[in-house]
């Protein structure tokens, strides 16, 4: 099970990198590099906050996640 989870996470991460680079490049092309840096900083801060306040950080094992999904 951990290998499957890891594979899904890696696919999501490496699949999003080219897409986000394309979006960021188009955004910087339409605006300024400073605005692009602000966009990247904001996106990073939001992703950090989503992880920091997620209930998954209290997860101790996969079985408890499975019982929460059923309930």
Protein backbone atom coordinates (compact mmCIF):
# COMPACT_ATOMS: atom_id res chain seq x y z
CA UNK A 1 0.00 0.00 0.00
CA UNK A 2 2.74 2.59 0.79
CA UNK A 3 4.28 1.96 -2.64
CA UNK A 4 0.96 2.70 -4.34
CA UNK A 5 0.51 5.89 -2.34
CA UNK A 6 4.05 6.94 -3.19
CA UNK A 7 3.46 6.26 -6.89
CA UNK A 8 0.30 8.37 -6.91
CA UNK A 9 2.04 11.22 -5.10
CA UNK A 10 5.01 11.15 -7.48
CA UNK A 11 2.72 11.11 -10.51
CA UNK A 12 0.78 14.08 -9.17
CA UNK A 13 3.91 16.06 -8.33
CA UNK A 14 5.82 15.39 -11.55
CA UNK A 15 2.69 15.83 -13.63
CA UNK A 16 1.98 19.26 -12.14
CA UNK A 17 5.49 20.69 -12.57
CA UNK A 18 5.32 21.19 -16.36
CA UNK A 19 1.78 22.52 -16.15
CA UNK A 20 2.65 25.03 -13.43
CA UNK A 21 5.78 26.10 -15.32
CA UNK A 22 3.67 26.76 -18.41
CA UNK A 23 1.13 28.78 -16.45
CA UNK A 24 3.84 30.74 -14.63
CA UNK A 25 5.65 31.46 -17.90
CA UNK A 26 2.48 32.77 -19.50
CA UNK A 27 1.74 34.87 -16.42
CA UNK A 28 5.23 36.40 -16.35
CA UNK A 29 5.03 37.01 -20.09
CA UNK A 30 1.80 38.93 -19.63
CA UNK A 31 2.93 40.82 -16.51
CA UNK A 32 6.29 41.38 -14.84
CA UNK A 33 8.84 39.07 -13.23
CA UNK A 34 8.03 40.64 -9.86
CA UNK A 35 4.37 39.70 -10.27
CA UNK A 36 5.44 36.18 -11.20
CA UNK A 37 7.55 35.93 -8.06
CA UNK A 38 4.60 37.15 -6.00
CA UNK A 39 2.38 34.49 -7.61
CA UNK A 40 4.87 31.72 -6.86
CA UNK A 41 5.34 32.91 -3.29
CA UNK A 42 1.59 33.05 -2.72
CA UNK A 43 1.05 29.59 -4.20
CA UNK A 44 3.82 28.16 -2.02
CA UNK A 45 2.38 29.79 1.10
CA UNK A 46 -1.09 28.44 0.33
CA UNK A 47 0.20 24.92 -0.27
CA UNK A 48 2.19 25.08 2.97
CA UNK A 49 -0.86 26.23 4.91
CA UNK A 50 -2.99 23.48 3.38
CA UNK A 51 -0.48 20.87 4.54
CA UNK A 52 0.10 22.50 7.92
CA UNK A 53 -3.59 22.54 8.84
CA UNK A 54 -4.52 19.22 7.24
CA UNK A 55 -5.85 16.44 9.42
CA UNK A 56 -3.43 14.08 7.66
CA UNK A 57 -0.50 15.34 9.72
CA UNK A 58 -2.03 13.57 12.74
CA UNK A 59 -2.31 10.29 10.85
CA UNK A 60 -0.47 7.45 12.60
CA UNK A 61 -1.23 4.54 10.25
CA UNK A 62 -3.14 3.68 7.10
CA UNK A 63 -5.81 1.70 8.94
CA UNK A 64 -7.04 4.78 10.80
CA UNK A 65 -7.34 6.62 7.49
CA UNK A 66 -9.38 3.78 6.07
CA UNK A 67 -11.84 3.77 9.00
CA UNK A 68 -12.29 7.56 8.71
CA UNK A 69 -13.11 7.22 5.01
CA UNK A 70 -15.80 4.64 5.74
CA UNK A 71 -17.42 6.68 8.51
